Amino acid sequence: MATNTESVDLVGDEAATNLARAALFAALVGAFAYVSFPFPVSPAPVTLQVLGVFLAGIFLGPVWGGAALVLYLVAGALGAPVFSGGEAGFGELVGSTAGYLWSYPIAAALVGALVHRGARLRDLDAVSAPVLVGAMAAGTVVVYAMGVVGLYLTLELTLVEAFVQGAVVFLPAEGAKMAAAVGIVRSDAIAAE
């Protein structure tokens, strides 16, 4: 009896490529979490994670950018040391910085949707710096709105204290991350030429 051994594609090449890219960006955000140091005026540390969130949305778009950050959260919840300072476990997703963490997929999807004007990716050369900055600013609002609520709900802070300690003090760092993201996007466009 002969057996047919034709290859079968269970997942298309495009989906496999996008999944690999999403996993790469999830790993990048995890690596950026190791660039973490305590901030004396805030219960949340300063990290580079939000830069990774921005880049995932910009390079992968809303669907796969958001998916990359869901992969990141799942990996961390399952024990991979990808949260700030190498922390891991489901407890991080309900602790004082949980609001920030849960915001990442939403912020990446929002950044991607604004940069690409929808779900389909467009050429980043056609995206102006003001659009990039505006998209990242919108993503920052999501990250800090959810982060502040998380701090408020888990720590004994007033809403004003949570806002100042969980958002206002980080704004200069976010400006630097936005500038870095624009530089990365523009350097990628130059390298592609």
Protein backbone atom coordinates (compact mmCIF):
# COMPACT_ATOMS: atom_id res chain seq x y z
CA MET A 1 0.00 0.00 0.00
CA ALA A 2 1.46 3.36 -1.05
CA THR A 3 1.35 6.42 1.16
CA ASN A 4 1.04 9.92 -0.22
CA THR A 5 3.72 12.10 1.34
CA GLU A 6 3.01 15.46 -0.26
CA SER A 7 3.85 18.40 1.94
CA VAL A 8 0.99 20.25 3.48
CA ASP A 9 1.17 23.89 4.47
CA LEU A 10 -0.65 24.21 7.77
CA VAL A 11 0.17 27.88 8.01
CA GLY A 12 0.89 30.19 5.09
CA ASP A 13 4.31 31.73 4.65
CA GLU A 14 3.01 35.20 5.47
CA ALA A 15 1.41 34.07 8.74
CA ALA A 16 4.55 32.19 9.74
CA THR A 17 6.69 35.24 8.97
CA ASN A 18 4.39 37.52 10.94
CA LEU A 19 4.34 35.15 13.90
CA ALA A 20 8.14 34.99 13.88
CA ARG A 21 8.35 38.79 13.73
CA ALA A 22 5.85 39.07 16.60
CA ALA A 23 7.92 36.64 18.68
CA LEU A 24 11.04 38.67 17.89
CA PHE A 25 9.41 41.90 19.08
CA ALA A 26 8.06 40.14 22.20
CA ALA A 27 11.64 39.08 22.95
CA LEU A 28 12.86 42.63 22.28
CA VAL A 29 10.41 44.06 24.82
CA GLY A 30 11.57 41.39 27.27
CA ALA A 31 15.20 42.38 26.67
CA PHE A 32 14.31 46.05 27.09
CA ALA A 33 12.81 45.16 30.51
CA TYR A 34 16.34 44.42 31.73
CA VAL A 35 17.22 48.08 31.18
CA SER A 36 15.44 48.90 34.40
CA PHE A 37 16.27 50.99 37.41
CA PRO A 38 14.28 52.24 40.37
CA PHE A 39 12.97 55.75 40.14
CA PRO A 40 13.04 57.48 43.56
CA VAL A 41 9.87 59.50 42.94
CA SER A 42 7.78 56.60 41.63
CA PRO A 43 6.82 53.09 42.70
CA ALA A 44 7.29 52.01 39.05
CA PRO A 45 10.80 51.58 37.63
CA VAL A 46 12.14 53.28 34.52
CA THR A 47 12.54 50.76 31.67
CA LEU A 48 12.87 50.70 27.90
CA GLN A 49 9.80 48.48 27.48
CA VAL A 50 7.62 51.24 26.07
CA LEU A 51 10.19 51.83 23.32
CA GLY A 52 9.64 48.19 22.33
CA VAL A 53 5.87 48.74 22.41
CA PHE A 54 6.26 51.71 20.06
CA LEU A 55 8.51 49.78 17.67
CA ALA A 56 6.20 46.75 17.61
CA GLY A 57 3.26 48.93 16.60
CA ILE A 58 5.27 50.86 14.03
CA PHE A 59 7.00 47.91 12.35
CA LEU A 60 4.33 45.21 12.73
CA GLY A 61 1.13 47.25 12.53
CA PRO A 62 -1.90 47.01 14.78
CA VAL A 63 -2.67 43.30 14.48
CA TRP A 64 0.78 41.77 14.79
CA GLY A 65 2.11 44.57 17.01
CA GLY A 66 -0.67 43.89 19.50
CA ALA A 67 -0.13 40.13 19.11
CA ALA A 68 3.58 40.55 19.87
CA LEU A 69 2.77 42.14 23.20
CA VAL A 70 0.17 39.47 24.02
CA LEU A 71 2.95 36.90 23.42
CA TYR A 72 5.16 38.93 25.73
CA LEU A 73 2.56 38.89 28.52
CA VAL A 74 1.90 35.16 28.09
CA ALA A 75 5.63 34.39 28.20
CA GLY A 76 6.03 36.42 31.38
CA ALA A 77 2.95 34.91 33.02
CA LEU A 78 4.28 31.42 32.25
CA GLY A 79 7.57 32.16 33.99
CA ALA A 80 9.91 33.67 31.40
CA PRO A 81 11.87 36.45 33.15
CA VAL A 82 10.72 39.20 30.76
CA PHE A 83 9.17 41.76 33.08
CA SER A 84 11.10 44.69 34.54
CA GLY A 85 14.27 43.66 36.27
CA GLY A 86 13.89 40.04 35.13
CA GLU A 87 10.70 39.39 37.07
CA ALA A 88 8.24 36.73 35.93
CA GLY A 89 4.99 35.03 36.85
CA PHE A 90 1.30 35.78 36.90
CA GLY A 91 1.71 37.83 40.08
CA GLU A 92 3.34 40.59 38.03
CA LEU A 93 0.11 40.86 36.02
CA VAL A 94 -1.87 41.72 39.13
CA GLY A 95 0.76 43.74 41.03
CA SER A 96 1.43 47.44 41.19
CA THR A 97 2.78 47.68 37.62
CA ALA A 98 0.05 45.48 36.12
CA GLY A 99 -1.73 48.43 34.54
CA TYR A 100 1.35 49.26 32.50
CA LEU A 101 1.82 45.65 31.42
CA TRP A 102 -1.81 45.14 30.37
CA SER A 103 -1.69 48.38 28.39
CA TYR A 104 1.14 47.22 26.12
CA PRO A 105 -0.90 45.20 23.57
CA ILE A 106 -3.51 47.96 23.37
CA ALA A 107 -0.89 50.69 22.98
CA ALA A 108 1.03 48.75 20.30
CA ALA A 109 -2.19 48.14 18.37
CA LEU A 110 -3.14 51.82 18.64
CA VAL A 111 0.30 53.02 17.53
CA GLY A 112 0.19 50.59 14.60
CA ALA A 113 -3.33 51.63 13.57
CA LEU A 114 -2.44 55.32 13.62
CA VAL A 115 0.87 54.90 11.79
CA HIS A 116 -0.55 52.59 9.12
CA ARG A 117 -4.02 54.19 8.97
CA GLY A 118 -5.69 50.86 9.56
CA ALA A 119 -4.80 47.19 9.70
CA ARG A 120 -2.76 46.95 6.50
CA LEU A 121 0.91 47.89 6.64
CA ARG A 122 2.06 50.82 4.58
CA ASP A 123 5.54 51.92 3.61
CA LEU A 124 7.13 53.68 6.58
CA ASP A 125 8.92 56.06 4.20
CA ALA A 126 5.49 57.58 3.55
CA VAL A 127 4.87 58.20 7.26
CA SER A 128 5.89 61.64 8.47
CA ALA A 129 7.68 62.25 11.76
CA PRO A 130 4.66 64.15 13.17
CA VAL A 131 2.45 61.14 12.47
CA LEU A 132 4.96 58.84 14.18
CA VAL A 133 5.20 61.13 17.20
CA GLY A 134 1.41 61.59 17.36
CA ALA A 135 0.85 57.83 17.25
CA MET A 136 3.40 57.26 19.99
CA ALA A 137 1.87 60.07 22.07
CA ALA A 138 -1.51 58.33 21.80
CA GLY A 139 0.14 55.06 22.83
CA THR A 140 1.76 56.82 25.77
CA VAL A 141 -1.64 58.08 26.93
CA VAL A 142 -2.93 54.49 26.95
CA VAL A 143 0.13 53.18 28.81
CA TYR A 144 0.01 55.85 31.48
CA ALA A 145 -3.78 55.92 31.87
CA MET A 146 -3.81 52.19 32.58
CA GLY A 147 -0.59 52.38 34.60
CA VAL A 148 -1.98 55.13 36.84
CA VAL A 149 -5.20 53.19 37.40
CA GLY A 150 -3.13 50.12 38.29
CA LEU A 151 -1.08 52.09 40.82
CA TYR A 152 -4.21 53.65 42.28
CA LEU A 153 -5.93 50.28 42.69
CA THR A 154 -2.96 48.37 44.15
CA LEU A 155 -1.17 50.96 46.27
CA GLU A 156 -2.48 53.35 48.86
CA LEU A 157 -2.19 56.40 46.63
CA THR A 158 -4.72 59.06 45.81
CA LEU A 159 -5.57 59.42 42.13
CA VAL A 160 -3.49 62.62 41.98
CA GLU A 161 -0.50 60.92 43.62
CA ALA A 162 -0.82 57.97 41.25
CA PHE A 163 -0.99 60.36 38.27
CA VAL A 164 2.07 62.34 39.34
CA GLN A 165 4.15 59.33 40.44
CA GLY A 166 2.97 57.01 37.67
CA ALA A 167 2.83 59.30 34.64
CA VAL A 168 4.03 62.90 34.99
CA VAL A 169 7.50 62.01 36.27
CA PHE A 170 8.07 59.69 33.29
CA LEU A 171 7.17 62.14 30.51
CA PRO A 172 10.76 63.29 29.81
CA ALA A 173 11.84 59.64 29.44
CA GLU A 174 8.94 58.99 27.06
CA GLY A 175 10.05 61.94 24.94
CA ALA A 176 13.50 60.38 24.67
CA LYS A 177 11.98 57.01 23.72
CA MET A 178 9.87 58.67 21.03
CA ALA A 179 12.94 60.40 19.61
CA ALA A 180 14.81 57.08 19.63
CA ALA A 181 11.93 55.34 17.85
CA VAL A 182 11.80 58.01 15.13
CA GLY A 183 15.56 57.70 14.72
CA ILE A 184 15.29 53.90 14.42
CA VAL A 185 12.48 54.14 11.85
CA ARG A 186 14.35 56.73 9.80
CA SER A 187 17.66 54.83 10.00
CA ASP A 188 15.84 51.70 8.82
CA ALA A 189 14.48 53.65 5.84
CA ILE A 190 17.97 54.95 5.01
CA ALA A 191 19.49 51.46 5.32
CA ALA A 192 16.83 50.08 2.95
CA GLU A 193 17.88 52.51 0.21
